[in-house]
Amino acid sequence: MLRLERLVIELGAFRLAADVTVETGRIVALLGPSGAGKSTLLDVIAGFLPPNSGRVLWEGVDLGPLPPGARPVSMLFQDNNLFPHLTAAQNVGLGLHPDLRLSPADRDRAEAALARVGLAGLGPRKPAALSGGQRGRVALARMLLRGRPLMLLDEPFAALGPALKAEMLGLVAELAHESGATVLMVTHDPADARAIADETMLVAEGRADPPRPTAALFADPPEALRAYLG
């Protein structure tokens, strides 16, 4: 279970408060206007940014003292965070060993992860030789190989067309359900939330609301969501 306990984030004139719980194994969309703090909230959970007050708890353990690499978190960014000079297999292998000192068994695991996301045989290719969707799959394979129980997605598929984005979101849902991972997914598109999110958390007007079942939220949206949806 992820608990954001009386969390307050302040950056200049920006302020965001959150006091919410996300149950283990849920896929939760973070929806709201640009600048509301969705990505900032993920940065705090991942350990890239300290909160001004409050705590981030995972299964009752305070993550505050832990650096990003020691947290039970994997994160996908908008640019997929792939290294252009490394092959797809090497980029995936970073999920096991950042120094890329991979044993034969490690290399086999990286190739198996690529195969799981539909990229069997493409391990030797570098990111420039892959399509946008394939690069997203490489990043997902690395996340799969890391095996962290909390997956944070900061709009990694925003640049993809509707059909390919839907395919990638479906793959995220499959991987999450197989592993039992908890997913927090930043999006500006209500269709993304409707596609895979069990629950949706509205981030607007300086606060992150507790997650609500996605269908129920859209059936009876609060005023801030009505304003966002237009």
C-alpha atoms as a PDB file:
ATOM      1  CA  MET A   1       0.000   0.000   0.000  1.00  0.00           C
ATOM      2  CA  LEU A   2       1.229   3.493  -0.891  1.00  0.00           C
ATOM      3  CA  ARG A   3       0.423   6.182   1.623  1.00  0.00           C
ATOM      4  CA  LEU A   4       1.007   9.905   1.056  1.00  0.00           C
ATOM      5  CA  GLU A   5       0.638  11.122   4.604  1.00  0.00           C
ATOM      6  CA  ARG A   6      -0.105  14.841   5.021  1.00  0.00           C
ATOM      7  CA  LEU A   7       2.267  15.571   2.161  1.00  0.00           C
ATOM      8  CA  VAL A   8       2.994  19.203   1.272  1.00  0.00           C
ATOM      9  CA  ILE A   9       5.166  20.270  -1.674  1.00  0.00           C
ATOM     10  CA  GLU A  10       6.086  23.926  -2.156  1.00  0.00           C
ATOM     11  CA  LEU A  11       8.154  25.325  -5.020  1.00  0.00           C
ATOM     12  CA  GLY A  12       8.055  29.108  -5.110  1.00  0.00           C
ATOM     13  CA  ALA A  13       4.410  30.098  -5.495  1.00  0.00           C
ATOM     14  CA  PHE A  14       3.432  26.494  -6.228  1.00  0.00           C
ATOM     15  CA  ARG A  15       1.879  24.421  -3.470  1.00  0.00           C
ATOM     16  CA  LEU A  16       0.423  20.909  -3.557  1.00  0.00           C
ATOM     17  CA  ALA A  17      -1.078  18.967  -0.669  1.00  0.00           C
ATOM     18  CA  ALA A  18      -1.880  15.252  -0.649  1.00  0.00           C
ATOM     19  CA  ASP A  19      -3.204  12.948   2.048  1.00  0.00           C
ATOM     20  CA  VAL A  20      -4.172   9.801   0.161  1.00  0.00           C
ATOM     21  CA  THR A  21      -3.857   6.030   0.098  1.00  0.00           C
ATOM     22  CA  VAL A  22      -3.396   3.806  -2.958  1.00  0.00           C
ATOM     23  CA  GLU A  23      -4.104   0.135  -2.408  1.00  0.00           C
ATOM     24  CA  THR A  24      -1.527  -2.400  -3.562  1.00  0.00           C
ATOM     25  CA  GLY A  25      -2.059  -3.730  -7.068  1.00  0.00           C
ATOM     26  CA  ARG A  26      -4.226  -0.848  -8.267  1.00  0.00           C
ATOM     27  CA  ILE A  27      -3.699   1.132 -11.460  1.00  0.00           C
ATOM     28  CA  VAL A  28      -4.357   4.784 -10.669  1.00  0.00           C
ATOM     29  CA  ALA A  29      -4.412   7.641 -13.178  1.00  0.00           C
ATOM     30  CA  LEU A  30      -3.338  11.128 -12.079  1.00  0.00           C
ATOM     31  CA  LEU A  31      -5.475  13.533 -14.067  1.00  0.00           C
ATOM     32  CA  GLY A  32      -5.565  17.307 -14.041  1.00  0.00           C
ATOM     33  CA  PRO A  33      -4.481  20.495 -15.786  1.00  0.00           C
ATOM     34  CA  SER A  34      -0.916  21.294 -16.787  1.00  0.00           C
ATOM     35  CA  GLY A  35       1.079  22.719 -13.908  1.00  0.00           C
ATOM     36  CA  ALA A  36      -1.173  21.211 -11.252  1.00  0.00           C
ATOM     37  CA  GLY A  37       1.636  19.036  -9.869  1.00  0.00           C
ATOM     38  CA  LYS A  38       1.069  15.549 -11.264  1.00  0.00           C
ATOM     39  CA  SER A  39       4.672  14.979 -12.359  1.00  0.00           C
ATOM     40  CA  THR A  40       5.953  16.747  -9.247  1.00  0.00           C
ATOM     41  CA  LEU A  41       4.044  14.283  -7.103  1.00  0.00           C
ATOM     42  CA  LEU A  42       5.715  11.364  -8.898  1.00  0.00           C
ATOM     43  CA  ASP A  43       9.111  13.006  -8.399  1.00  0.00           C
ATOM     44  CA  VAL A  44       8.507  13.142  -4.649  1.00  0.00           C
ATOM     45  CA  ILE A  45       7.411   9.491  -4.517  1.00  0.00           C
ATOM     46  CA  ALA A  46      10.470   8.457  -6.537  1.00  0.00           C
ATOM     47  CA  GLY A  47      12.804  10.451  -4.296  1.00  0.00           C
ATOM     48  CA  PHE A  48      13.947  13.012  -6.872  1.00  0.00           C
ATOM     49  CA  LEU A  49      12.389  15.848  -4.878  1.00  0.00           C
ATOM     50  CA  PRO A  50      11.923  16.095  -1.097  1.00  0.00           C
ATOM     51  CA  PRO A  51       8.534  17.214   0.257  1.00  0.00           C
ATOM     52  CA  ASN A  52       8.354  20.229   2.537  1.00  0.00           C
ATOM     53  CA  SER A  53       6.430  18.163   5.054  1.00  0.00           C
ATOM     54  CA  GLY A  54       4.668  14.841   5.375  1.00  0.00           C
ATOM     55  CA  ARG A  55       5.792  11.344   4.484  1.00  0.00           C
ATOM     56  CA  VAL A  56       5.733   8.843   1.625  1.00  0.00           C
ATOM     57  CA  LEU A  57       5.095   5.354   3.010  1.00  0.00           C
ATOM     58  CA  TRP A  58       5.240   2.040   1.150  1.00  0.00           C
ATOM     59  CA  GLU A  59       3.827  -0.953   3.025  1.00  0.00           C
ATOM     60  CA  GLY A  60       4.222   1.107   6.192  1.00  0.00           C
ATOM     61  CA  VAL A  61       7.907   1.941   5.607  1.00  0.00           C
ATOM     62  CA  ASP A  62       8.901   5.614   5.407  1.00  0.00           C
ATOM     63  CA  LEU A  63      10.721   6.117   2.083  1.00  0.00           C
ATOM     64  CA  GLY A  64      12.010   9.558   3.071  1.00  0.00           C
ATOM     65  CA  PRO A  65      15.510   8.423   4.159  1.00  0.00           C
ATOM     66  CA  LEU A  66      16.014   6.296   1.033  1.00  0.00           C
ATOM     67  CA  PRO A  67      17.702   7.574  -2.148  1.00  0.00           C
ATOM     68  CA  PRO A  68      15.858   7.009  -5.435  1.00  0.00           C
ATOM     69  CA  GLY A  69      17.779   3.838  -6.324  1.00  0.00           C
ATOM     70  CA  ALA A  70      16.916   2.183  -3.028  1.00  0.00           C
ATOM     71  CA  ARG A  71      13.179   2.833  -3.277  1.00  0.00           C
ATOM     72  CA  PRO A  72      10.770   0.119  -4.471  1.00  0.00           C
ATOM     73  CA  VAL A  73      10.060   2.242  -7.536  1.00  0.00           C
ATOM     74  CA  SER A  74      10.577   2.125 -11.290  1.00  0.00           C
ATOM     75  CA  MET A  75       9.721   5.176 -13.355  1.00  0.00           C
ATOM     76  CA  LEU A  76       9.001   5.718 -17.044  1.00  0.00           C
ATOM     77  CA  PHE A  77       9.581   9.230 -18.350  1.00  0.00           C
ATOM     78  CA  GLN A  78       8.223  10.980 -21.424  1.00  0.00           C
ATOM     79  CA  ASP A  79      11.485  10.380 -23.322  1.00  0.00           C
ATOM     80  CA  ASN A  80      11.743   6.755 -22.095  1.00  0.00           C
ATOM     81  CA  ASN A  81      15.216   7.589 -20.695  1.00  0.00           C
ATOM     82  CA  LEU A  82      17.127   5.306 -23.065  1.00  0.00           C
ATOM     83  CA  PHE A  83      20.847   5.739 -23.701  1.00  0.00           C
ATOM     84  CA  PRO A  84      21.387   6.241 -27.457  1.00  0.00           C
ATOM     85  CA  HIS A  85      24.862   4.651 -27.492  1.00  0.00           C
ATOM     86  CA  LEU A  86      23.612   1.403 -25.935  1.00  0.00           C
ATOM     87  CA  THR A  87      21.695  -1.388 -27.616  1.00  0.00           C
ATOM     88  CA  ALA A  88      18.148  -2.251 -26.626  1.00  0.00           C
ATOM     89  CA  ALA A  89      19.424  -5.266 -24.681  1.00  0.00           C
ATOM     90  CA  GLN A  90      22.004  -3.137 -22.863  1.00  0.00           C
ATOM     91  CA  ASN A  91      19.399  -0.506 -21.997  1.00  0.00           C
ATOM     92  CA  VAL A  92      17.264  -3.263 -20.530  1.00  0.00           C
ATOM     93  CA  GLY A  93      20.264  -4.751 -18.743  1.00  0.00           C
ATOM     94  CA  LEU A  94      20.718  -1.493 -16.854  1.00  0.00           C
ATOM     95  CA  GLY A  95      17.706  -2.578 -14.849  1.00  0.00           C
ATOM     96  CA  LEU A  96      19.857  -5.350 -13.384  1.00  0.00           C
ATOM     97  CA  HIS A  97      23.293  -3.751 -13.158  1.00  0.00           C
ATOM     98  CA  PRO A  98      23.946  -0.036 -13.812  1.00  0.00           C
ATOM     99  CA  ASP A  99      27.569  -0.882 -14.623  1.00  0.00           C
ATOM    100  CA  LEU A 100      26.387  -3.343 -17.298  1.00  0.00           C
ATOM    101  CA  ARG A 101      28.548  -6.136 -15.943  1.00  0.00           C
ATOM    102  CA  LEU A 102      26.061  -8.739 -17.068  1.00  0.00           C
ATOM    103  CA  SER A 103      26.525 -12.455 -16.699  1.00  0.00           C
ATOM    104  CA  PRO A 104      25.275 -14.796 -19.434  1.00  0.00           C
ATOM    105  CA  ALA A 105      22.239 -15.454 -17.241  1.00  0.00           C
ATOM    106  CA  ASP A 106      21.627 -11.697 -16.946  1.00  0.00           C
ATOM    107  CA  ARG A 107      21.781 -11.333 -20.728  1.00  0.00           C
ATOM    108  CA  ASP A 108      19.295 -14.147 -21.099  1.00  0.00           C
ATOM    109  CA  ARG A 109      16.947 -12.380 -18.686  1.00  0.00           C
ATOM    110  CA  ALA A 110      17.249  -9.135 -20.659  1.00  0.00           C
ATOM    111  CA  GLU A 111      16.445 -10.931 -23.908  1.00  0.00           C
ATOM    112  CA  ALA A 112      13.486 -12.678 -22.242  1.00  0.00           C
ATOM    113  CA  ALA A 113      12.160  -9.317 -21.032  1.00  0.00           C
ATOM    114  CA  LEU A 114      12.428  -7.914 -24.553  1.00  0.00           C
ATOM    115  CA  ALA A 115      10.579 -10.948 -25.889  1.00  0.00           C
ATOM    116  CA  ARG A 116       7.834 -10.447 -23.283  1.00  0.00           C
ATOM    117  CA  VAL A 117       7.141  -6.958 -24.612  1.00  0.00           C
ATOM    118  CA  GLY A 118       7.162  -8.083 -28.242  1.00  0.00           C
ATOM    119  CA  LEU A 119      10.756  -7.239 -29.192  1.00  0.00           C
ATOM    120  CA  ALA A 120      12.281 -10.694 -29.584  1.00  0.00           C
ATOM    121  CA  GLY A 121      15.402 -10.496 -31.741  1.00  0.00           C
ATOM    122  CA  LEU A 122      15.726  -6.702 -31.534  1.00  0.00           C
ATOM    123  CA  GLY A 123      18.206  -6.655 -28.654  1.00  0.00           C
ATOM    124  CA  PRO A 124      21.195  -5.603 -30.830  1.00  0.00           C
ATOM    125  CA  ARG A 125      19.435  -2.492 -32.164  1.00  0.00           C
ATOM    126  CA  LYS A 126      20.151   0.954 -30.779  1.00  0.00           C
ATOM    127  CA  PRO A 127      17.275   3.333 -29.940  1.00  0.00           C
ATOM    128  CA  ALA A 128      17.711   5.345 -33.156  1.00  0.00           C
ATOM    129  CA  ALA A 129      16.913   2.197 -35.147  1.00  0.00           C
ATOM    130  CA  LEU A 130      13.660   1.632 -33.254  1.00  0.00           C
ATOM    131  CA  SER A 131      10.251   3.231 -33.652  1.00  0.00           C
ATOM    132  CA  GLY A 132       8.720   5.321 -30.890  1.00  0.00           C
ATOM    133  CA  GLY A 133       6.537   2.443 -29.809  1.00  0.00           C
ATOM    134  CA  GLN A 134       9.485   0.061 -29.788  1.00  0.00           C
ATOM    135  CA  ARG A 135      11.508   2.449 -27.625  1.00  0.00           C
ATOM    136  CA  GLY A 136       8.616   2.534 -25.193  1.00  0.00           C
ATOM    137  CA  ARG A 137       8.641  -1.249 -25.107  1.00  0.00           C
ATOM    138  CA  VAL A 138      12.367  -1.281 -24.329  1.00  0.00           C
ATOM    139  CA  ALA A 139      11.720   1.005 -21.369  1.00  0.00           C
ATOM    140  CA  LEU A 140       8.890  -1.275 -20.242  1.00  0.00           C
ATOM    141  CA  ALA A 141      11.161  -4.311 -20.526  1.00  0.00           C
ATOM    142  CA  ARG A 142      13.712  -2.607 -18.287  1.00  0.00           C
ATOM    143  CA  MET A 143      10.961  -1.823 -15.785  1.00  0.00           C
ATOM    144  CA  LEU A 144       9.808  -5.446 -15.929  1.00  0.00           C
ATOM    145  CA  LEU A 145      13.325  -6.710 -15.300  1.00  0.00           C
ATOM    146  CA  ARG A 146      13.823  -4.445 -12.287  1.00  0.00           C
ATOM    147  CA  GLY A 147      10.821  -6.058 -10.640  1.00  0.00           C
ATOM    148  CA  ARG A 148       9.964  -3.089  -8.429  1.00  0.00           C
ATOM    149  CA  PRO A 149       6.446  -3.198  -6.953  1.00  0.00           C
ATOM    150  CA  LEU A 150       5.629   0.464  -7.634  1.00  0.00           C
ATOM    151  CA  MET A 151       5.522   1.644 -11.247  1.00  0.00           C
ATOM    152  CA  LEU A 152       5.376   5.393 -11.958  1.00  0.00           C
ATOM    153  CA  LEU A 153       4.521   6.526 -15.503  1.00  0.00           C
ATOM    154  CA  ASP A 154       4.992  10.176 -16.446  1.00  0.00           C
ATOM    155  CA  GLU A 155       3.162  10.246 -19.796  1.00  0.00           C
ATOM    156  CA  PRO A 156       5.704   8.013 -21.549  1.00  0.00           C
ATOM    157  CA  PHE A 157       3.370   7.396 -24.503  1.00  0.00           C
ATOM    158  CA  ALA A 158       2.065  10.948 -25.017  1.00  0.00           C
ATOM    159  CA  ALA A 159       3.837  11.323 -28.374  1.00  0.00           C
ATOM    160  CA  LEU A 160       2.335   8.149 -29.836  1.00  0.00           C
ATOM    161  CA  GLY A 161      -0.744   7.989 -32.025  1.00  0.00           C
ATOM    162  CA  PRO A 162      -4.040   6.876 -30.479  1.00  0.00           C
ATOM    163  CA  ALA A 163      -3.921   3.254 -31.625  1.00  0.00           C
ATOM    164  CA  LEU A 164      -0.289   2.692 -30.611  1.00  0.00           C
ATOM    165  CA  LYS A 165      -0.795   4.483 -27.302  1.00  0.00           C
ATOM    166  CA  ALA A 166      -3.780   2.266 -26.527  1.00  0.00           C
ATOM    167  CA  GLU A 167      -1.647  -0.785 -27.326  1.00  0.00           C
ATOM    168  CA  MET A 168       1.118   0.384 -24.993  1.00  0.00           C
ATOM    169  CA  LEU A 169      -1.325   1.150 -22.194  1.00  0.00           C
ATOM    170  CA  GLY A 170      -2.760  -2.327 -22.588  1.00  0.00           C
ATOM    171  CA  LEU A 171       0.733  -3.783 -22.277  1.00  0.00           C
ATOM    172  CA  VAL A 172       1.330  -1.772 -19.086  1.00  0.00           C
ATOM    173  CA  ALA A 173      -1.889  -3.176 -17.632  1.00  0.00           C
ATOM    174  CA  GLU A 174      -0.891  -6.734 -18.581  1.00  0.00           C
ATOM    175  CA  LEU A 175       2.545  -6.416 -16.984  1.00  0.00           C
ATOM    176  CA  ALA A 176       1.128  -4.809 -13.857  1.00  0.00           C
ATOM    177  CA  HIS A 177      -1.492  -7.503 -13.400  1.00  0.00           C
ATOM    178  CA  GLU A 178       1.060 -10.276 -13.976  1.00  0.00           C
ATOM    179  CA  SER A 179       3.466  -8.855 -11.401  1.00  0.00           C
ATOM    180  CA  GLY A 180       0.946  -7.453  -8.926  1.00  0.00           C
ATOM    181  CA  ALA A 181       2.568  -4.020  -9.215  1.00  0.00           C
ATOM    182  CA  THR A 182       0.912  -0.790  -8.182  1.00  0.00           C
ATOM    183  CA  VAL A 183       0.817   1.789 -10.994  1.00  0.00           C
ATOM    184  CA  LEU A 184       0.522   5.577 -10.845  1.00  0.00           C
ATOM    185  CA  MET A 185       0.111   7.046 -14.322  1.00  0.00           C
ATOM    186  CA  VAL A 186       0.197  10.761 -15.117  1.00  0.00           C
ATOM    187  CA  THR A 187      -2.000  11.712 -18.045  1.00  0.00           C
ATOM    188  CA  HIS A 188      -3.793  14.679 -19.559  1.00  0.00           C
ATOM    189  CA  ASP A 189      -6.111  12.428 -21.551  1.00  0.00           C
ATOM    190  CA  PRO A 190      -9.286  11.125 -19.874  1.00  0.00           C
ATOM    191  CA  ALA A 191      -9.303   8.276 -22.414  1.00  0.00           C
ATOM    192  CA  ASP A 192      -6.077   6.925 -20.885  1.00  0.00           C
ATOM    193  CA  ALA A 193      -7.696   6.771 -17.472  1.00  0.00           C
ATOM    194  CA  ARG A 194     -10.808   5.108 -18.848  1.00  0.00           C
ATOM    195  CA  ALA A 195      -8.685   2.579 -20.738  1.00  0.00           C
ATOM    196  CA  ILE A 196      -6.750   0.974 -17.871  1.00  0.00           C
ATOM    197  CA  ALA A 197      -7.118   2.852 -14.577  1.00  0.00           C
ATOM    198  CA  ASP A 198      -9.006   1.136 -11.789  1.00  0.00           C
ATOM    199  CA  GLU A 199      -9.119   4.484 -10.028  1.00  0.00           C
ATOM    200  CA  THR A 200      -8.363   8.103 -10.888  1.00  0.00           C
ATOM    201  CA  MET A 201      -6.852  10.779  -8.685  1.00  0.00           C
ATOM    202  CA  LEU A 202      -7.719  14.365  -9.563  1.00  0.00           C
ATOM    203  CA  VAL A 203      -4.792  16.769  -9.125  1.00  0.00           C
ATOM    204  CA  ALA A 204      -6.037  20.346  -9.287  1.00  0.00           C
ATOM    205  CA  GLU A 205      -6.343  23.562  -7.317  1.00  0.00           C
ATOM    206  CA  GLY A 206      -3.403  22.799  -5.059  1.00  0.00           C
ATOM    207  CA  ARG A 207      -4.364  19.326  -3.902  1.00  0.00           C
ATOM    208  CA  ALA A 208      -4.368  15.693  -4.939  1.00  0.00           C
ATOM    209  CA  ASP A 209      -7.740  14.168  -4.132  1.00  0.00           C
ATOM    210  CA  PRO A 210      -8.066  10.580  -2.894  1.00  0.00           C
ATOM    211  CA  PRO A 211      -8.456   8.136  -5.794  1.00  0.00           C
ATOM    212  CA  ARG A 212     -11.976   7.209  -6.815  1.00  0.00           C
ATOM    213  CA  PRO A 213     -13.197   4.428  -9.124  1.00  0.00           C
ATOM    214  CA  THR A 214     -12.642   5.812 -12.603  1.00  0.00           C
ATOM    215  CA  ALA A 215     -16.109   5.146 -14.002  1.00  0.00           C
ATOM    216  CA  ALA A 216     -17.809   6.626 -10.946  1.00  0.00           C
ATOM    217  CA  LEU A 217     -15.589   9.720 -11.037  1.00  0.00           C
ATOM    218  CA  PHE A 218     -16.424  10.487 -14.650  1.00  0.00           C
ATOM    219  CA  ALA A 219     -20.101   9.722 -14.114  1.00  0.00           C
ATOM    220  CA  ASP A 220     -20.271  12.318 -11.342  1.00  0.00           C
ATOM    221  CA  PRO A 221     -17.232  14.604 -11.690  1.00  0.00           C
ATOM    222  CA  PRO A 222     -16.445  17.247  -9.069  1.00  0.00           C
ATOM    223  CA  GLU A 223     -16.422  20.866 -10.177  1.00  0.00           C
ATOM    224  CA  ALA A 224     -12.636  20.969 -10.667  1.00  0.00           C
ATOM    225  CA  LEU A 225     -12.829  17.981 -13.029  1.00  0.00           C
ATOM    226  CA  ARG A 226     -15.777  19.484 -14.879  1.00  0.00           C
ATOM    227  CA  ALA A 227     -13.753  22.632 -15.437  1.00  0.00           C
ATOM    228  CA  TYR A 228     -10.788  20.609 -16.688  1.00  0.00           C
ATOM    229  CA  LEU A 229     -12.865  18.475 -19.041  1.00  0.00           C
ATOM    230  CA  GLY A 230     -14.717  21.524 -20.359  1.00  0.00           C
END
